[in-house]
Amino acid sequence: MKSVRHQIIGLLVSASLFSCSGQRLTQANVDQVTEGMSKKQVESILGPPTSVESKDFMLLKRTTYLYRQPNGTVTVLFKDDKVAAKSSTLPK
């Protein structure tokens, strides 16, 4: 019984995080993300990403955050854990 309760709580928390993320993902918020920001700063503006891809090269660490929602996507590229580039297909 206790594990079922934990699963339900987990689902509710996940759903609320997803809904908060969707509300934060606007072009105005994407415009606040600037080069040199940390991952934590980006997540404080846009919320947690839908997916993350990391690649480690010999001298460079590259991470891509992808945010998806029905009306568009946002991609944020980090080099050595700092924003290097971003792109968006969200409506303005």
N, C-alpha and C. Protein backbone atom coordinates (compact mmCIF):
# COMPACT_ATOMS: atom_id res chain seq x y z
N MET A 1 0.83 -1.19 0.00
CA MET A 1 0.00 0.00 0.00
C MET A 1 0.87 1.26 0.00
N LYS A 2 1.95 1.22 0.78
CA LYS A 2 2.81 2.38 0.88
C LYS A 2 3.47 2.69 -0.47
N SER A 3 3.91 1.65 -1.21
CA SER A 3 4.57 1.89 -2.50
C SER A 3 3.60 2.48 -3.52
N VAL A 4 2.35 2.10 -3.47
CA VAL A 4 1.34 2.67 -4.38
C VAL A 4 1.17 4.15 -4.08
N ARG A 5 1.14 4.48 -2.81
CA ARG A 5 1.02 5.89 -2.41
C ARG A 5 2.22 6.69 -2.93
N HIS A 6 3.41 6.13 -2.80
CA HIS A 6 4.61 6.81 -3.29
C HIS A 6 4.57 6.98 -4.80
N GLN A 7 4.07 5.99 -5.52
CA GLN A 7 3.96 6.08 -6.97
C GLN A 7 2.98 7.19 -7.37
N ILE A 8 1.87 7.27 -6.67
CA ILE A 8 0.88 8.30 -6.97
C ILE A 8 1.46 9.69 -6.70
N ILE A 9 2.14 9.83 -5.58
CA ILE A 9 2.76 11.12 -5.25
C ILE A 9 3.80 11.48 -6.31
N GLY A 10 4.59 10.50 -6.72
CA GLY A 10 5.59 10.73 -7.77
C GLY A 10 4.97 11.19 -9.07
N LEU A 11 3.87 10.57 -9.45
CA LEU A 11 3.18 10.97 -10.68
C LEU A 11 2.64 12.39 -10.58
N LEU A 12 2.08 12.73 -9.42
CA LEU A 12 1.54 14.08 -9.23
C LEU A 12 2.65 15.12 -9.27
N VAL A 13 3.78 14.83 -8.65
CA VAL A 13 4.91 15.76 -8.68
C VAL A 13 5.42 15.91 -10.10
N SER A 14 5.56 14.82 -10.83
CA SER A 14 6.02 14.88 -12.22
C SER A 14 5.06 15.70 -13.08
N ALA A 15 3.78 15.49 -12.90
CA ALA A 15 2.78 16.23 -13.68
C ALA A 15 2.84 17.71 -13.38
N SER A 16 3.03 18.06 -12.11
CA SER A 16 3.09 19.49 -11.77
C SER A 16 4.37 20.12 -12.30
N LEU A 17 5.48 19.39 -12.28
CA LEU A 17 6.72 19.92 -12.85
C LEU A 17 6.58 20.12 -14.35
N PHE A 18 5.94 19.17 -15.04
CA PHE A 18 5.75 19.29 -16.47
C PHE A 18 4.87 20.48 -16.81
N SER A 19 3.79 20.66 -16.05
CA SER A 19 2.89 21.78 -16.34
C SER A 19 3.56 23.11 -16.05
N CYS A 20 4.38 23.19 -15.01
CA CYS A 20 5.11 24.43 -14.73
C CYS A 20 6.09 24.73 -15.84
N SER A 21 6.77 23.71 -16.31
CA SER A 21 7.74 23.88 -17.38
C SER A 21 7.07 24.41 -18.64
N GLY A 22 5.89 23.88 -18.98
CA GLY A 22 5.18 24.33 -20.16
C GLY A 22 4.78 25.79 -20.08
N GLN A 23 4.41 26.25 -18.88
CA GLN A 23 4.03 27.64 -18.70
C GLN A 23 5.23 28.56 -18.80
N ARG A 24 6.39 28.09 -18.44
CA ARG A 24 7.60 28.90 -18.48
C ARG A 24 8.18 28.99 -19.88
N LEU A 25 7.84 28.07 -20.73
CA LEU A 25 8.46 28.00 -22.04
C LEU A 25 7.75 28.94 -23.01
N THR A 26 8.14 30.20 -22.94
CA THR A 26 7.62 31.21 -23.85
C THR A 26 8.80 31.88 -24.54
N GLN A 27 8.56 32.53 -25.65
CA GLN A 27 9.65 33.20 -26.34
C GLN A 27 10.24 34.30 -25.47
N ALA A 28 9.40 34.96 -24.67
CA ALA A 28 9.90 36.01 -23.77
C ALA A 28 10.90 35.43 -22.76
N ASN A 29 10.61 34.23 -22.23
CA ASN A 29 11.54 33.60 -21.30
C ASN A 29 12.81 33.13 -22.00
N VAL A 30 12.65 32.59 -23.21
CA VAL A 30 13.83 32.16 -23.98
C VAL A 30 14.75 33.35 -24.23
N ASP A 31 14.17 34.52 -24.48
CA ASP A 31 14.96 35.73 -24.71
C ASP A 31 15.79 36.12 -23.49
N GLN A 32 15.38 35.69 -22.30
CA GLN A 32 16.13 35.99 -21.07
C GLN A 32 17.39 35.15 -20.94
N VAL A 33 17.45 34.03 -21.65
CA VAL A 33 18.62 33.14 -21.60
C VAL A 33 19.71 33.78 -22.45
N THR A 34 20.87 34.03 -21.82
CA THR A 34 21.97 34.69 -22.53
C THR A 34 23.24 33.86 -22.46
N GLU A 35 24.12 34.14 -23.38
CA GLU A 35 25.40 33.43 -23.46
C GLU A 35 26.16 33.56 -22.14
N GLY A 36 26.74 32.45 -21.71
CA GLY A 36 27.52 32.44 -20.48
C GLY A 36 26.76 32.00 -19.24
N MET A 37 25.43 31.86 -19.35
CA MET A 37 24.64 31.41 -18.19
C MET A 37 24.94 29.95 -17.85
N SER A 38 24.76 29.61 -16.59
CA SER A 38 24.94 28.23 -16.14
C SER A 38 23.67 27.43 -16.40
N LYS A 39 23.77 26.12 -16.29
CA LYS A 39 22.60 25.26 -16.44
C LYS A 39 21.54 25.59 -15.39
N LYS A 40 21.99 25.85 -14.18
CA LYS A 40 21.06 26.17 -13.09
C LYS A 40 20.29 27.47 -13.40
N GLN A 41 20.98 28.46 -13.95
CA GLN A 41 20.32 29.71 -14.30
C GLN A 41 19.28 29.49 -15.40
N VAL A 42 19.63 28.68 -16.40
CA VAL A 42 18.69 28.39 -17.49
C VAL A 42 17.47 27.66 -16.95
N GLU A 43 17.68 26.67 -16.10
CA GLU A 43 16.56 25.91 -15.53
C GLU A 43 15.69 26.79 -14.63
N SER A 44 16.26 27.80 -13.99
CA SER A 44 15.45 28.70 -13.17
C SER A 44 14.52 29.54 -14.03
N ILE A 45 14.88 29.75 -15.30
CA ILE A 45 14.05 30.53 -16.22
C ILE A 45 13.08 29.62 -16.99
N LEU A 46 13.61 28.54 -17.56
CA LEU A 46 12.81 27.69 -18.46
C LEU A 46 12.26 26.42 -17.80
N GLY A 47 12.77 26.09 -16.63
CA GLY A 47 12.37 24.83 -15.99
C GLY A 47 13.26 23.70 -16.47
N PRO A 48 12.97 22.49 -16.03
CA PRO A 48 13.80 21.35 -16.43
C PRO A 48 13.58 21.01 -17.91
N PRO A 49 14.63 20.61 -18.61
CA PRO A 49 14.49 20.28 -20.03
C PRO A 49 13.73 18.98 -20.24
N THR A 50 13.14 18.85 -21.43
CA THR A 50 12.45 17.62 -21.82
C THR A 50 13.46 16.50 -21.99
N SER A 51 14.62 16.82 -22.59
CA SER A 51 15.69 15.82 -22.73
C SER A 51 17.05 16.51 -22.69
N VAL A 52 18.07 15.72 -22.34
CA VAL A 52 19.43 16.23 -22.22
C VAL A 52 20.36 15.28 -22.98
N GLU A 53 21.27 15.84 -23.75
CA GLU A 53 22.28 15.05 -24.44
C GLU A 53 23.65 15.62 -24.07
N SER A 54 24.53 14.76 -23.57
CA SER A 54 25.87 15.20 -23.18
C SER A 54 26.93 14.47 -23.98
N LYS A 55 27.96 15.21 -24.35
CA LYS A 55 29.11 14.63 -25.05
C LYS A 55 30.37 15.22 -24.44
N ASP A 56 31.31 14.34 -24.10
CA ASP A 56 32.59 14.79 -23.57
C ASP A 56 33.66 14.57 -24.62
N PHE A 57 34.29 15.66 -25.01
CA PHE A 57 35.44 15.57 -25.90
C PHE A 57 36.68 15.74 -25.05
N MET A 58 37.83 15.58 -25.61
CA MET A 58 39.06 15.63 -24.81
C MET A 58 39.18 16.92 -23.99
N LEU A 59 38.96 18.04 -24.61
CA LEU A 59 39.12 19.31 -23.91
C LEU A 59 37.82 20.09 -23.75
N LEU A 60 36.71 19.51 -24.17
CA LEU A 60 35.46 20.24 -24.19
C LEU A 60 34.30 19.35 -23.77
N LYS A 61 33.47 19.88 -22.91
CA LYS A 61 32.25 19.18 -22.51
C LYS A 61 31.08 19.92 -23.17
N ARG A 62 30.25 19.18 -23.89
CA ARG A 62 29.12 19.79 -24.61
C ARG A 62 27.82 19.12 -24.16
N THR A 63 26.86 19.95 -23.79
CA THR A 63 25.55 19.46 -23.35
C THR A 63 24.47 20.23 -24.10
N THR A 64 23.45 19.50 -24.54
CA THR A 64 22.33 20.14 -25.23
C THR A 64 21.06 19.88 -24.44
N TYR A 65 20.36 20.97 -24.09
CA TYR A 65 19.05 20.89 -23.45
C TYR A 65 18.01 21.07 -24.54
N LEU A 66 17.04 20.18 -24.58
CA LEU A 66 15.94 20.29 -25.53
C LEU A 66 14.64 20.41 -24.76
N TYR A 67 13.87 21.44 -25.09
CA TYR A 67 12.55 21.68 -24.51
C TYR A 67 11.53 21.51 -25.61
N ARG A 68 10.56 20.63 -25.41
CA ARG A 68 9.51 20.40 -26.41
C ARG A 68 8.15 20.71 -25.82
N GLN A 69 7.32 21.32 -26.63
CA GLN A 69 5.91 21.48 -26.29
C GLN A 69 5.15 21.57 -27.60
N PRO A 70 3.83 21.46 -27.57
CA PRO A 70 3.07 21.37 -28.82
C PRO A 70 3.30 22.52 -29.81
N ASN A 71 3.57 23.73 -29.32
CA ASN A 71 3.71 24.86 -30.24
C ASN A 71 5.15 25.17 -30.65
N GLY A 72 6.11 24.33 -30.27
CA GLY A 72 7.49 24.56 -30.72
C GLY A 72 8.52 23.93 -29.81
N THR A 73 9.78 24.13 -30.16
CA THR A 73 10.89 23.58 -29.39
C THR A 73 11.92 24.67 -29.11
N VAL A 74 12.70 24.44 -28.07
CA VAL A 74 13.81 25.31 -27.72
C VAL A 74 15.02 24.42 -27.50
N THR A 75 16.15 24.80 -28.08
CA THR A 75 17.40 24.07 -27.90
C THR A 75 18.42 25.03 -27.29
N VAL A 76 19.07 24.60 -26.21
CA VAL A 76 20.11 25.41 -25.58
C VAL A 76 21.38 24.56 -25.57
N LEU A 77 22.44 25.08 -26.16
CA LEU A 77 23.73 24.39 -26.23
C LEU A 77 24.68 24.96 -25.19
N PHE A 78 25.22 24.07 -24.37
CA PHE A 78 26.21 24.46 -23.37
C PHE A 78 27.58 23.93 -23.78
N LYS A 79 28.59 24.75 -23.65
CA LYS A 79 29.97 24.31 -23.81
C LYS A 79 30.65 24.59 -22.49
N ASP A 80 31.24 23.55 -21.91
CA ASP A 80 31.85 23.63 -20.58
C ASP A 80 30.87 24.23 -19.57
N ASP A 81 29.62 23.76 -19.62
CA ASP A 81 28.56 24.10 -18.67
C ASP A 81 28.12 25.56 -18.70
N LYS A 82 28.39 26.27 -19.79
CA LYS A 82 27.93 27.65 -19.97
C LYS A 82 27.20 27.74 -21.30
N VAL A 83 26.11 28.54 -21.37
CA VAL A 83 25.35 28.69 -22.61
C VAL A 83 26.26 29.23 -23.71
N ALA A 84 26.28 28.52 -24.82
CA ALA A 84 27.06 28.94 -25.99
C ALA A 84 26.13 29.37 -27.14
N ALA A 85 24.93 28.78 -27.21
CA ALA A 85 23.99 29.09 -28.29
C ALA A 85 22.60 28.63 -27.88
N LYS A 86 21.60 29.19 -28.55
CA LYS A 86 20.21 28.77 -28.32
C LYS A 86 19.44 28.97 -29.62
N SER A 87 18.36 28.20 -29.75
CA SER A 87 17.46 28.38 -30.89
C SER A 87 16.05 28.04 -30.44
N SER A 88 15.07 28.63 -31.13
CA SER A 88 13.68 28.45 -30.73
C SER A 88 12.79 28.44 -31.96
N THR A 89 11.76 27.59 -31.91
CA THR A 89 10.72 27.61 -32.94
C THR A 89 9.39 28.04 -32.35
N LEU A 90 9.42 28.63 -31.15
CA LEU A 90 8.20 29.09 -30.50
C LEU A 90 7.67 30.34 -31.21
N PRO A 91 6.36 30.51 -31.21
CA PRO A 91 5.80 31.74 -31.80
C PRO A 91 6.18 32.96 -30.97
N LYS A 92 6.32 34.08 -31.62
CA LYS A 92 6.72 35.31 -30.91
C LYS A 92 5.56 35.99 -30.27
